[in-house]
Amino acid sequence: MSTYSPSTGRMVSHNMVTTQFELDGYKVSRTLGVVRGIVVRSRSIFGTIGAGLQTLVGGNITLLTNLCEKTRSEAFDLMLQHAAELGGNAVVGARYDATEIMQGVTEVLAYGTAVFVEPTK
């Protein structure tokens, strides 16, 4: 899976992202800087009510799990788009962070370092 950046016409593939600071089989030829993707999301009233009902039963609260996964995925794709805009073809040191801005409103940040890598010989 890849993320397309309209401004550069380039893509950063999901398999070119790692939490490590090296990408196996590649050498970093240029470090392009920190990249990030930020999504701020709130729960809808229906989602809040539905999640509240799911807490009565216990177990996985699927409504909130799906909301979190969708938000993280969007932040991740924005990070990859930012990397492509800088001319990168990979991201190293990828991380997530989340902060509750106000009750029911959360910021999710995906960040890492955009790099241009070449296969090792």
C-alpha atoms as a PDB file:
ATOM      1  CA  MET A   1       0.000   0.000   0.000  1.00  0.00           C
ATOM      2  CA  SER A   2       1.300   3.477  -0.857  1.00  0.00           C
ATOM      3  CA  THR A   3       0.422   7.084  -0.253  1.00  0.00           C
ATOM      4  CA  TYR A   4       0.278   9.399  -3.259  1.00  0.00           C
ATOM      5  CA  SER A   5       1.325  13.038  -2.972  1.00  0.00           C
ATOM      6  CA  PRO A   6      -0.303  15.193  -5.676  1.00  0.00           C
ATOM      7  CA  SER A   7       2.297  17.951  -5.286  1.00  0.00           C
ATOM      8  CA  THR A   8       5.247  15.670  -6.138  1.00  0.00           C
ATOM      9  CA  GLY A   9       3.535  12.827  -7.976  1.00  0.00           C
ATOM     10  CA  ARG A  10       5.473  10.414  -5.737  1.00  0.00           C
ATOM     11  CA  MET A  11       4.484   7.693  -3.353  1.00  0.00           C
ATOM     12  CA  VAL A  12       5.912   6.371  -0.093  1.00  0.00           C
ATOM     13  CA  SER A  13       5.122   2.697   0.350  1.00  0.00           C
ATOM     14  CA  HIS A  14       3.898   1.426   3.720  1.00  0.00           C
ATOM     15  CA  ASN A  15       6.640  -1.205   3.689  1.00  0.00           C
ATOM     16  CA  MET A  16       9.236   1.600   3.565  1.00  0.00           C
ATOM     17  CA  VAL A  17       8.311   2.785   7.078  1.00  0.00           C
ATOM     18  CA  THR A  18       9.975   1.484  10.207  1.00  0.00           C
ATOM     19  CA  THR A  19      10.235   2.290  13.890  1.00  0.00           C
ATOM     20  CA  GLN A  20      13.943   1.461  13.600  1.00  0.00           C
ATOM     21  CA  PHE A  21      16.475   4.050  12.516  1.00  0.00           C
ATOM     22  CA  GLU A  22      17.680   1.853   9.656  1.00  0.00           C
ATOM     23  CA  LEU A  23      15.758   0.117   6.902  1.00  0.00           C
ATOM     24  CA  ASP A  24      17.047  -3.408   6.279  1.00  0.00           C
ATOM     25  CA  GLY A  25      18.527  -3.809   2.806  1.00  0.00           C
ATOM     26  CA  TYR A  26      18.824  -0.060   2.230  1.00  0.00           C
ATOM     27  CA  LYS A  27      21.270   2.711   3.033  1.00  0.00           C
ATOM     28  CA  VAL A  28      20.163   6.253   3.810  1.00  0.00           C
ATOM     29  CA  SER A  29      21.626   8.596   1.210  1.00  0.00           C
ATOM     30  CA  ARG A  30      19.769  11.731   2.368  1.00  0.00           C
ATOM     31  CA  THR A  31      17.982  12.715   5.556  1.00  0.00           C
ATOM     32  CA  LEU A  32      15.173  15.136   4.737  1.00  0.00           C
ATOM     33  CA  GLY A  33      13.807  16.032   8.155  1.00  0.00           C
ATOM     34  CA  VAL A  34      10.964  15.389  10.531  1.00  0.00           C
ATOM     35  CA  VAL A  35       7.586  14.644   8.984  1.00  0.00           C
ATOM     36  CA  ARG A  36       4.216  14.412  10.667  1.00  0.00           C
ATOM     37  CA  GLY A  37       0.576  13.741  10.118  1.00  0.00           C
ATOM     38  CA  ILE A  38      -1.939  15.202  12.539  1.00  0.00           C
ATOM     39  CA  VAL A  39      -5.628  14.337  12.849  1.00  0.00           C
ATOM     40  CA  VAL A  40      -7.943  15.858  15.448  1.00  0.00           C
ATOM     41  CA  ARG A  41     -11.096  13.846  15.929  1.00  0.00           C
ATOM     42  CA  SER A  42     -14.133  13.964  18.180  1.00  0.00           C
ATOM     43  CA  ARG A  43     -16.697  11.286  18.888  1.00  0.00           C
ATOM     44  CA  SER A  44     -20.192  11.811  17.574  1.00  0.00           C
ATOM     45  CA  ILE A  45     -23.093  11.734  20.005  1.00  0.00           C
ATOM     46  CA  PHE A  46     -24.214   8.440  18.434  1.00  0.00           C
ATOM     47  CA  GLY A  47     -20.734   6.942  18.806  1.00  0.00           C
ATOM     48  CA  THR A  48     -20.583   8.060  22.426  1.00  0.00           C
ATOM     49  CA  ILE A  49     -23.970   6.514  23.211  1.00  0.00           C
ATOM     50  CA  GLY A  50     -23.118   3.311  21.325  1.00  0.00           C
ATOM     51  CA  ALA A  51     -19.751   3.002  23.089  1.00  0.00           C
ATOM     52  CA  GLY A  52     -21.456   3.636  26.424  1.00  0.00           C
ATOM     53  CA  LEU A  53     -23.844   0.757  25.724  1.00  0.00           C
ATOM     54  CA  GLN A  54     -20.941  -1.505  24.756  1.00  0.00           C
ATOM     55  CA  THR A  55     -19.231  -0.788  28.096  1.00  0.00           C
ATOM     56  CA  LEU A  56     -22.241  -2.292  29.859  1.00  0.00           C
ATOM     57  CA  VAL A  57     -21.561  -5.634  28.185  1.00  0.00           C
ATOM     58  CA  GLY A  58     -17.784  -5.448  28.667  1.00  0.00           C
ATOM     59  CA  GLY A  59     -14.986  -6.562  26.381  1.00  0.00           C
ATOM     60  CA  ASN A  60     -13.670  -4.762  23.332  1.00  0.00           C
ATOM     61  CA  ILE A  61     -15.500  -1.512  22.626  1.00  0.00           C
ATOM     62  CA  THR A  62     -15.506  -1.911  18.865  1.00  0.00           C
ATOM     63  CA  LEU A  63     -16.974   1.517  18.076  1.00  0.00           C
ATOM     64  CA  LEU A  64     -14.046   3.229  19.791  1.00  0.00           C
ATOM     65  CA  THR A  65     -11.503   0.713  18.485  1.00  0.00           C
ATOM     66  CA  ASN A  66     -12.630   1.403  14.911  1.00  0.00           C
ATOM     67  CA  LEU A  67     -12.542   5.173  15.501  1.00  0.00           C
ATOM     68  CA  CYS A  68      -9.000   4.956  16.913  1.00  0.00           C
ATOM     69  CA  GLU A  69      -7.789   2.747  14.067  1.00  0.00           C
ATOM     70  CA  LYS A  70      -9.272   5.043  11.418  1.00  0.00           C
ATOM     71  CA  THR A  71      -7.714   8.112  13.059  1.00  0.00           C
ATOM     72  CA  ARG A  72      -4.268   6.492  13.353  1.00  0.00           C
ATOM     73  CA  SER A  73      -4.448   5.343   9.730  1.00  0.00           C
ATOM     74  CA  GLU A  74      -5.288   8.858   8.522  1.00  0.00           C
ATOM     75  CA  ALA A  75      -2.447  10.382  10.566  1.00  0.00           C
ATOM     76  CA  PHE A  76      -0.034   7.740   9.215  1.00  0.00           C
ATOM     77  CA  ASP A  77      -1.050   8.438   5.598  1.00  0.00           C
ATOM     78  CA  LEU A  78      -0.634  12.200   6.138  1.00  0.00           C
ATOM     79  CA  MET A  79       2.879  11.547   7.479  1.00  0.00           C
ATOM     80  CA  LEU A  80       3.723   9.514   4.359  1.00  0.00           C
ATOM     81  CA  GLN A  81       2.321  12.248   2.133  1.00  0.00           C
ATOM     82  CA  HIS A  82       4.497  14.818   3.937  1.00  0.00           C
ATOM     83  CA  ALA A  83       7.550  12.574   3.431  1.00  0.00           C
ATOM     84  CA  ALA A  84       6.825  12.275  -0.307  1.00  0.00           C
ATOM     85  CA  GLU A  85       6.435  16.060  -0.574  1.00  0.00           C
ATOM     86  CA  LEU A  86       9.959  16.441   0.846  1.00  0.00           C
ATOM     87  CA  GLY A  87      11.312  13.963  -1.710  1.00  0.00           C
ATOM     88  CA  GLY A  88      11.567  10.989   0.605  1.00  0.00           C
ATOM     89  CA  ASN A  89      10.960   7.381  -0.293  1.00  0.00           C
ATOM     90  CA  ALA A  90      11.024   6.050   3.283  1.00  0.00           C
ATOM     91  CA  VAL A  91      10.370   7.068   6.903  1.00  0.00           C
ATOM     92  CA  VAL A  92      12.525   5.880   9.801  1.00  0.00           C
ATOM     93  CA  GLY A  93      11.927   6.264  13.533  1.00  0.00           C
ATOM     94  CA  ALA A  94       8.143   6.301  13.045  1.00  0.00           C
ATOM     95  CA  ARG A  95       6.077   6.894  16.176  1.00  0.00           C
ATOM     96  CA  TYR A  96       2.541   7.802  17.287  1.00  0.00           C
ATOM     97  CA  ASP A  97       1.392  10.158  19.991  1.00  0.00           C
ATOM     98  CA  ALA A  98      -2.113  11.046  21.170  1.00  0.00           C
ATOM     99  CA  THR A  99      -3.312  13.919  23.313  1.00  0.00           C
ATOM    100  CA  GLU A 100      -6.785  14.671  24.595  1.00  0.00           C
ATOM    101  CA  ILE A 101      -7.283  18.331  23.695  1.00  0.00           C
ATOM    102  CA  MET A 102     -10.643  18.596  25.430  1.00  0.00           C
ATOM    103  CA  GLN A 103     -13.168  16.051  26.612  1.00  0.00           C
ATOM    104  CA  GLY A 104     -14.085  13.855  23.677  1.00  0.00           C
ATOM    105  CA  VAL A 105     -11.569  15.526  21.308  1.00  0.00           C
ATOM    106  CA  THR A 106      -8.254  13.823  20.652  1.00  0.00           C
ATOM    107  CA  GLU A 107      -5.243  14.707  18.535  1.00  0.00           C
ATOM    108  CA  VAL A 108      -3.340  11.810  16.987  1.00  0.00           C
ATOM    109  CA  LEU A 109       0.135  12.543  15.680  1.00  0.00           C
ATOM    110  CA  ALA A 110       2.195  10.194  13.516  1.00  0.00           C
ATOM    111  CA  TYR A 111       5.792  11.355  13.115  1.00  0.00           C
ATOM    112  CA  GLY A 112       9.188  10.182  11.945  1.00  0.00           C
ATOM    113  CA  THR A 113      12.169  11.174   9.838  1.00  0.00           C
ATOM    114  CA  ALA A 114      11.817  11.320   6.060  1.00  0.00           C
ATOM    115  CA  VAL A 115      14.784   9.827   4.261  1.00  0.00           C
ATOM    116  CA  PHE A 116      15.823   8.922   0.748  1.00  0.00           C
ATOM    117  CA  VAL A 117      17.178   5.376   0.688  1.00  0.00           C
ATOM    118  CA  GLU A 118      18.934   3.261  -1.909  1.00  0.00           C
ATOM    119  CA  PRO A 119      19.286  -0.525  -1.957  1.00  0.00           C
ATOM    120  CA  THR A 120      22.559  -1.842  -0.558  1.00  0.00           C
ATOM    121  CA  LYS A 121      24.623  -3.905  -2.960  1.00  0.00           C
END
